[in-house]
């Protein structure tokens, strides 16, 4: 699987930085992506971190698969997990398969404009 993230975006007040920019792993391996925001994405009225992960495959729009930092969207395999708090978040994909290849994005949702 080859997975990529786009490294640095700054459209609004919160800057989001992802690493690594490119990753190549073998089937069965574990892949980890990091997402760091310049400010906390904690949303106190709901006691949640507004941080989402998207996967975009070639020729397709981005697809949400984790929201509120660690909640899997319906249909997302348990191999995908999100963790973190404050400004530091991690996407972990265990037992990688070929179909996991694509571009992975994190996006903060606590301030507008949304940044990824």
N, C-alpha and C. Protein backbone atom coordinates (compact mmCIF):
# COMPACT_ATOMS: atom_id res chain seq x y z
N UNK A 1 0.84 -1.17 0.00
CA UNK A 1 0.00 0.00 0.00
C UNK A 1 0.88 1.23 0.00
N UNK A 2 0.53 2.17 -0.80
CA UNK A 2 1.19 3.46 -0.73
C UNK A 2 0.16 4.44 -0.22
N UNK A 3 0.50 5.18 0.79
CA UNK A 3 -0.41 6.17 1.34
C UNK A 3 0.29 7.50 1.39
N UNK A 4 -0.45 8.54 1.15
CA UNK A 4 0.14 9.86 1.16
C UNK A 4 -0.73 10.80 1.98
N UNK A 5 -0.08 11.80 2.52
CA UNK A 5 -0.80 12.90 3.12
C UNK A 5 -0.23 14.17 2.53
N UNK A 6 -1.04 15.19 2.49
CA UNK A 6 -0.52 16.46 2.02
C UNK A 6 -0.05 17.20 3.25
N UNK A 7 1.17 17.67 3.24
CA UNK A 7 1.88 18.02 4.44
C UNK A 7 1.44 19.20 5.26
N UNK A 8 0.96 20.29 4.67
CA UNK A 8 0.76 21.48 5.48
C UNK A 8 -0.29 22.37 4.82
N UNK A 9 -1.32 22.73 5.58
CA UNK A 9 -2.35 23.62 5.08
C UNK A 9 -2.53 24.76 6.06
N UNK A 10 -2.81 25.95 5.57
CA UNK A 10 -3.07 27.07 6.46
C UNK A 10 -4.04 28.03 5.78
N UNK A 11 -5.33 27.75 5.86
CA UNK A 11 -6.32 28.61 5.23
C UNK A 11 -7.02 29.51 6.24
N UNK A 12 -7.00 29.14 7.53
CA UNK A 12 -7.71 29.91 8.53
C UNK A 12 -6.84 30.11 9.74
N UNK A 13 -7.48 30.22 10.88
CA UNK A 13 -6.77 30.45 12.13
C UNK A 13 -5.95 29.23 12.56
N UNK A 14 -6.46 28.03 12.28
CA UNK A 14 -5.78 26.82 12.72
C UNK A 14 -5.01 26.20 11.56
N UNK A 15 -3.74 25.95 11.78
CA UNK A 15 -2.90 25.28 10.80
C UNK A 15 -2.81 23.80 11.16
N UNK A 16 -2.97 22.94 10.17
CA UNK A 16 -2.90 21.49 10.37
C UNK A 16 -1.71 20.95 9.58
N UNK A 17 -0.86 20.18 10.25
CA UNK A 17 0.32 19.60 9.61
C UNK A 17 0.29 18.08 9.77
N UNK A 18 0.47 17.38 8.67
CA UNK A 18 0.44 15.92 8.68
C UNK A 18 1.81 15.35 8.33
N UNK A 19 2.16 14.24 8.96
CA UNK A 19 3.38 13.51 8.64
C UNK A 19 3.11 12.02 8.76
N UNK A 20 3.83 11.17 8.01
CA UNK A 20 4.76 11.57 6.95
C UNK A 20 4.00 11.99 5.70
N UNK A 21 4.69 12.60 4.77
CA UNK A 21 4.04 13.01 3.54
C UNK A 21 3.80 11.83 2.61
N UNK A 22 4.61 10.80 2.75
CA UNK A 22 4.44 9.61 1.92
C UNK A 22 4.85 8.40 2.74
N UNK A 23 4.11 7.32 2.55
CA UNK A 23 4.42 6.09 3.26
C UNK A 23 4.18 4.90 2.35
N UNK A 24 5.07 3.96 2.38
CA UNK A 24 4.91 2.72 1.64
C UNK A 24 5.06 1.57 2.62
N UNK A 25 4.03 0.73 2.71
CA UNK A 25 4.07 -0.40 3.63
C UNK A 25 3.63 -1.66 2.89
N UNK A 26 3.93 -2.80 3.47
CA UNK A 26 3.56 -4.09 2.88
C UNK A 26 2.25 -4.58 3.50
N UNK A 27 1.51 -5.41 2.77
CA UNK A 27 0.29 -5.98 3.34
C UNK A 27 0.59 -6.66 4.67
N UNK A 28 -0.28 -6.42 5.63
CA UNK A 28 -0.12 -6.99 6.95
C UNK A 28 0.58 -6.07 7.93
N UNK A 29 1.26 -5.04 7.42
CA UNK A 29 1.96 -4.09 8.28
C UNK A 29 0.98 -3.15 8.97
N UNK A 30 1.51 -2.33 9.88
CA UNK A 30 0.76 -1.27 10.52
C UNK A 30 1.25 0.07 10.00
N UNK A 31 0.32 0.95 9.65
CA UNK A 31 0.66 2.29 9.17
C UNK A 31 0.16 3.32 10.18
N UNK A 32 0.97 4.35 10.43
CA UNK A 32 0.57 5.41 11.35
C UNK A 32 0.83 6.77 10.71
N UNK A 33 -0.20 7.62 10.77
CA UNK A 33 -0.09 8.98 10.28
C UNK A 33 -0.31 9.93 11.45
N UNK A 34 0.43 11.02 11.47
CA UNK A 34 0.32 12.01 12.53
C UNK A 34 -0.33 13.28 11.99
N UNK A 35 -1.14 13.90 12.83
CA UNK A 35 -1.79 15.17 12.49
C UNK A 35 -1.63 16.11 13.68
N UNK A 36 -1.02 17.25 13.44
CA UNK A 36 -0.81 18.23 14.50
C UNK A 36 -1.47 19.55 14.11
N UNK A 37 -2.24 20.10 15.03
CA UNK A 37 -2.88 21.39 14.77
C UNK A 37 -2.20 22.48 15.59
N UNK A 38 -2.27 23.69 15.09
CA UNK A 38 -1.59 24.81 15.75
C UNK A 38 -2.31 25.26 17.01
N UNK A 39 -3.58 24.89 17.14
CA UNK A 39 -4.37 25.19 18.34
C UNK A 39 -5.22 23.97 18.66
N UNK A 40 -5.67 23.88 19.88
CA UNK A 40 -6.52 22.76 20.28
C UNK A 40 -7.79 22.73 19.45
N UNK A 41 -8.23 21.54 19.08
CA UNK A 41 -9.47 21.38 18.33
C UNK A 41 -10.58 20.85 19.25
N UNK A 42 -10.42 21.09 20.55
CA UNK A 42 -11.43 20.67 21.53
C UNK A 42 -12.63 21.60 21.44
N UNK A 43 -13.82 21.00 21.39
CA UNK A 43 -15.07 21.74 21.32
C UNK A 43 -15.82 21.51 22.63
N UNK A 44 -15.72 22.45 23.55
CA UNK A 44 -16.23 22.24 24.90
C UNK A 44 -17.74 22.02 25.01
N UNK A 45 -18.58 22.66 24.17
CA UNK A 45 -20.01 22.39 24.32
C UNK A 45 -20.39 20.92 24.15
N UNK A 46 -19.61 20.18 23.39
CA UNK A 46 -19.90 18.76 23.19
C UNK A 46 -18.84 17.85 23.81
N UNK A 47 -17.85 18.44 24.45
CA UNK A 47 -16.75 17.68 25.08
C UNK A 47 -16.11 16.70 24.09
N UNK A 48 -15.81 17.21 22.89
CA UNK A 48 -15.23 16.39 21.83
C UNK A 48 -14.10 17.13 21.15
N UNK A 49 -13.24 16.36 20.52
CA UNK A 49 -12.21 16.93 19.65
C UNK A 49 -12.73 16.87 18.22
N UNK A 50 -12.84 18.03 17.57
CA UNK A 50 -13.34 18.08 16.21
C UNK A 50 -12.19 17.86 15.22
N UNK A 51 -11.84 16.60 15.08
CA UNK A 51 -10.76 16.22 14.16
C UNK A 51 -11.25 15.01 13.38
N UNK A 52 -11.23 15.14 12.07
CA UNK A 52 -11.72 14.06 11.20
C UNK A 52 -10.61 13.58 10.27
N UNK A 53 -10.74 12.32 9.85
CA UNK A 53 -9.82 11.74 8.87
C UNK A 53 -10.60 11.33 7.63
N UNK A 54 -10.00 11.62 6.46
CA UNK A 54 -10.60 11.29 5.17
C UNK A 54 -9.62 10.46 4.36
N UNK A 55 -10.17 9.61 3.51
CA UNK A 55 -9.37 8.86 2.54
C UNK A 55 -9.86 9.23 1.16
N UNK A 56 -8.92 9.59 0.29
CA UNK A 56 -9.26 9.89 -1.10
C UNK A 56 -8.50 8.94 -2.01
N UNK A 57 -9.27 8.23 -2.82
CA UNK A 57 -8.67 7.34 -3.81
C UNK A 57 -8.70 8.04 -5.17
N UNK A 58 -7.79 7.68 -6.07
CA UNK A 58 -7.72 8.35 -7.37
C UNK A 58 -9.08 8.38 -8.07
N UNK A 59 -9.45 9.57 -8.56
CA UNK A 59 -10.69 9.73 -9.30
C UNK A 59 -11.94 9.77 -8.45
N UNK A 60 -11.79 9.77 -7.12
CA UNK A 60 -12.95 9.79 -6.22
C UNK A 60 -12.83 10.96 -5.25
N UNK A 61 -13.98 11.42 -4.72
CA UNK A 61 -13.93 12.48 -3.71
C UNK A 61 -13.43 11.92 -2.38
N UNK A 62 -12.96 12.77 -1.49
CA UNK A 62 -12.55 12.30 -0.17
C UNK A 62 -13.73 11.66 0.57
N UNK A 63 -13.46 10.61 1.32
CA UNK A 63 -14.49 9.90 2.07
C UNK A 63 -14.17 9.95 3.56
N UNK A 64 -15.11 10.46 4.34
CA UNK A 64 -14.94 10.52 5.79
C UNK A 64 -14.94 9.10 6.35
N UNK A 65 -13.96 8.80 7.23
CA UNK A 65 -13.99 7.48 7.86
C UNK A 65 -13.76 7.52 9.37
N UNK A 66 -13.25 8.64 9.89
CA UNK A 66 -13.16 8.82 11.34
C UNK A 66 -13.53 10.27 11.65
N UNK A 67 -14.39 10.47 12.66
CA UNK A 67 -14.75 11.81 13.08
C UNK A 67 -14.65 11.91 14.60
N UNK A 68 -14.68 13.16 15.09
CA UNK A 68 -14.53 13.41 16.53
C UNK A 68 -13.29 12.69 17.09
N UNK A 69 -12.24 12.68 16.30
CA UNK A 69 -10.91 12.15 16.63
C UNK A 69 -10.81 10.63 16.66
N UNK A 70 -11.86 9.94 17.12
CA UNK A 70 -11.72 8.49 17.29
C UNK A 70 -12.97 7.67 17.01
N UNK A 71 -13.98 8.27 16.41
CA UNK A 71 -15.21 7.54 16.13
C UNK A 71 -15.24 7.13 14.67
N UNK A 72 -15.37 5.82 14.43
CA UNK A 72 -15.39 5.31 13.06
C UNK A 72 -16.76 5.56 12.42
N UNK A 73 -16.71 6.08 11.20
CA UNK A 73 -17.92 6.22 10.40
C UNK A 73 -18.47 4.82 10.11
N UNK A 74 -19.77 4.71 9.98
CA UNK A 74 -20.39 3.42 9.68
C UNK A 74 -19.73 2.79 8.46
N UNK A 75 -19.39 1.52 8.56
CA UNK A 75 -18.76 0.80 7.46
C UNK A 75 -17.24 0.84 7.47
N UNK A 76 -16.65 1.62 8.37
CA UNK A 76 -15.19 1.69 8.47
C UNK A 76 -14.69 0.48 9.25
N UNK A 77 -13.76 -0.28 8.67
CA UNK A 77 -13.24 -1.47 9.36
C UNK A 77 -12.57 -1.11 10.69
N UNK A 78 -12.61 -2.03 11.63
CA UNK A 78 -11.98 -1.83 12.93
C UNK A 78 -10.47 -1.72 12.83
N UNK A 79 -9.90 -2.08 11.69
CA UNK A 79 -8.46 -1.93 11.49
C UNK A 79 -8.04 -0.47 11.52
N UNK A 80 -8.99 0.45 11.30
CA UNK A 80 -8.73 1.88 11.30
C UNK A 80 -9.10 2.45 12.67
N UNK A 81 -8.15 3.15 13.27
CA UNK A 81 -8.46 3.77 14.55
C UNK A 81 -7.81 5.14 14.65
N UNK A 82 -8.51 6.05 15.31
CA UNK A 82 -8.01 7.39 15.55
C UNK A 82 -7.78 7.58 17.03
N UNK A 83 -6.77 8.36 17.36
CA UNK A 83 -6.48 8.64 18.76
C UNK A 83 -5.87 10.03 18.87
N UNK A 84 -5.75 10.50 20.10
CA UNK A 84 -5.10 11.77 20.34
C UNK A 84 -6.00 12.75 21.08
N UNK A 85 -5.41 13.88 21.41
CA UNK A 85 -6.15 14.93 22.11
C UNK A 85 -5.38 16.24 21.97
N UNK A 86 -6.04 17.33 22.34
CA UNK A 86 -5.39 18.63 22.28
C UNK A 86 -5.04 19.05 20.87
N UNK A 87 -3.76 18.92 20.54
CA UNK A 87 -3.28 19.32 19.20
C UNK A 87 -2.63 18.18 18.45
N UNK A 88 -2.48 17.01 19.09
CA UNK A 88 -1.74 15.89 18.48
C UNK A 88 -2.65 14.68 18.29
N UNK A 89 -2.77 14.22 17.05
CA UNK A 89 -3.66 13.11 16.73
C UNK A 89 -2.95 12.10 15.84
N UNK A 90 -3.42 10.87 15.91
CA UNK A 90 -2.80 9.79 15.14
C UNK A 90 -3.87 8.93 14.49
N UNK A 91 -3.62 8.57 13.24
CA UNK A 91 -4.42 7.57 12.54
C UNK A 91 -3.58 6.31 12.47
N UNK A 92 -4.14 5.19 12.91
CA UNK A 92 -3.45 3.91 12.86
C UNK A 92 -4.26 2.94 12.01
N UNK A 93 -3.58 2.30 11.07
CA UNK A 93 -4.21 1.27 10.23
C UNK A 93 -3.44 -0.01 10.47
N UNK A 94 -4.10 -1.00 11.07
CA UNK A 94 -3.45 -2.28 11.31
C UNK A 94 -3.78 -3.25 10.19
N UNK A 95 -2.94 -4.26 10.04
CA UNK A 95 -3.15 -5.30 9.04
C UNK A 95 -3.51 -4.69 7.67
N UNK A 96 -2.64 -3.81 7.20
CA UNK A 96 -2.86 -3.09 5.95
C UNK A 96 -3.13 -4.05 4.80
N UNK A 97 -4.07 -3.67 3.94
CA UNK A 97 -4.36 -4.40 2.71
C UNK A 97 -4.16 -3.46 1.52
N UNK A 98 -4.05 -4.03 0.33
CA UNK A 98 -3.82 -3.23 -0.88
C UNK A 98 -4.88 -2.14 -1.06
N UNK A 99 -6.12 -2.44 -0.71
CA UNK A 99 -7.22 -1.50 -0.93
C UNK A 99 -7.13 -0.27 -0.03
N UNK A 100 -6.22 -0.27 0.93
CA UNK A 100 -6.06 0.89 1.81
C UNK A 100 -5.27 2.01 1.14
N UNK A 101 -4.72 1.76 -0.03
CA UNK A 101 -3.90 2.77 -0.70
C UNK A 101 -4.73 4.01 -1.04
N UNK A 102 -4.13 5.17 -0.87
CA UNK A 102 -4.80 6.42 -1.21
C UNK A 102 -4.16 7.58 -0.48
N UNK A 103 -4.85 8.72 -0.54
CA UNK A 103 -4.40 9.93 0.13
C UNK A 103 -5.21 10.10 1.41
N UNK A 104 -4.53 10.27 2.53
CA UNK A 104 -5.17 10.42 3.83
C UNK A 104 -5.05 11.86 4.30
N UNK A 105 -6.18 12.42 4.72
CA UNK A 105 -6.22 13.81 5.17
C UNK A 105 -6.84 13.89 6.56
N UNK A 106 -6.30 14.76 7.40
CA UNK A 106 -7.02 15.11 8.62
C UNK A 106 -7.58 16.52 8.44
N UNK A 107 -8.66 16.80 9.13
CA UNK A 107 -9.30 18.11 9.03
C UNK A 107 -9.83 18.53 10.39
N UNK A 108 -9.53 19.74 10.77
CA UNK A 108 -10.10 20.26 12.01
C UNK A 108 -11.46 20.87 11.71
N UNK A 109 -12.36 20.79 12.67
CA UNK A 109 -13.71 21.31 12.44
C UNK A 109 -14.19 22.22 13.54
N UNK A 110 -13.26 22.74 14.34
CA UNK A 110 -13.67 23.56 15.47
C UNK A 110 -13.72 25.05 15.14
N UNK A 111 -13.01 25.47 14.10
CA UNK A 111 -13.01 26.86 13.67
C UNK A 111 -13.23 26.95 12.17
N UNK A 112 -13.93 28.01 11.76
CA UNK A 112 -14.10 28.25 10.34
C UNK A 112 -13.13 29.35 9.90
N UNK A 113 -12.58 29.25 8.69
CA UNK A 113 -12.83 28.16 7.75
C UNK A 113 -12.16 26.87 8.20
N UNK A 114 -12.78 25.75 7.82
CA UNK A 114 -12.21 24.44 8.14
C UNK A 114 -10.87 24.31 7.44
N UNK A 115 -9.91 23.68 8.10
CA UNK A 115 -8.59 23.50 7.49
C UNK A 115 -8.22 22.04 7.54
N UNK A 116 -7.46 21.63 6.53
CA UNK A 116 -6.99 20.24 6.47
C UNK A 116 -5.54 20.22 6.10
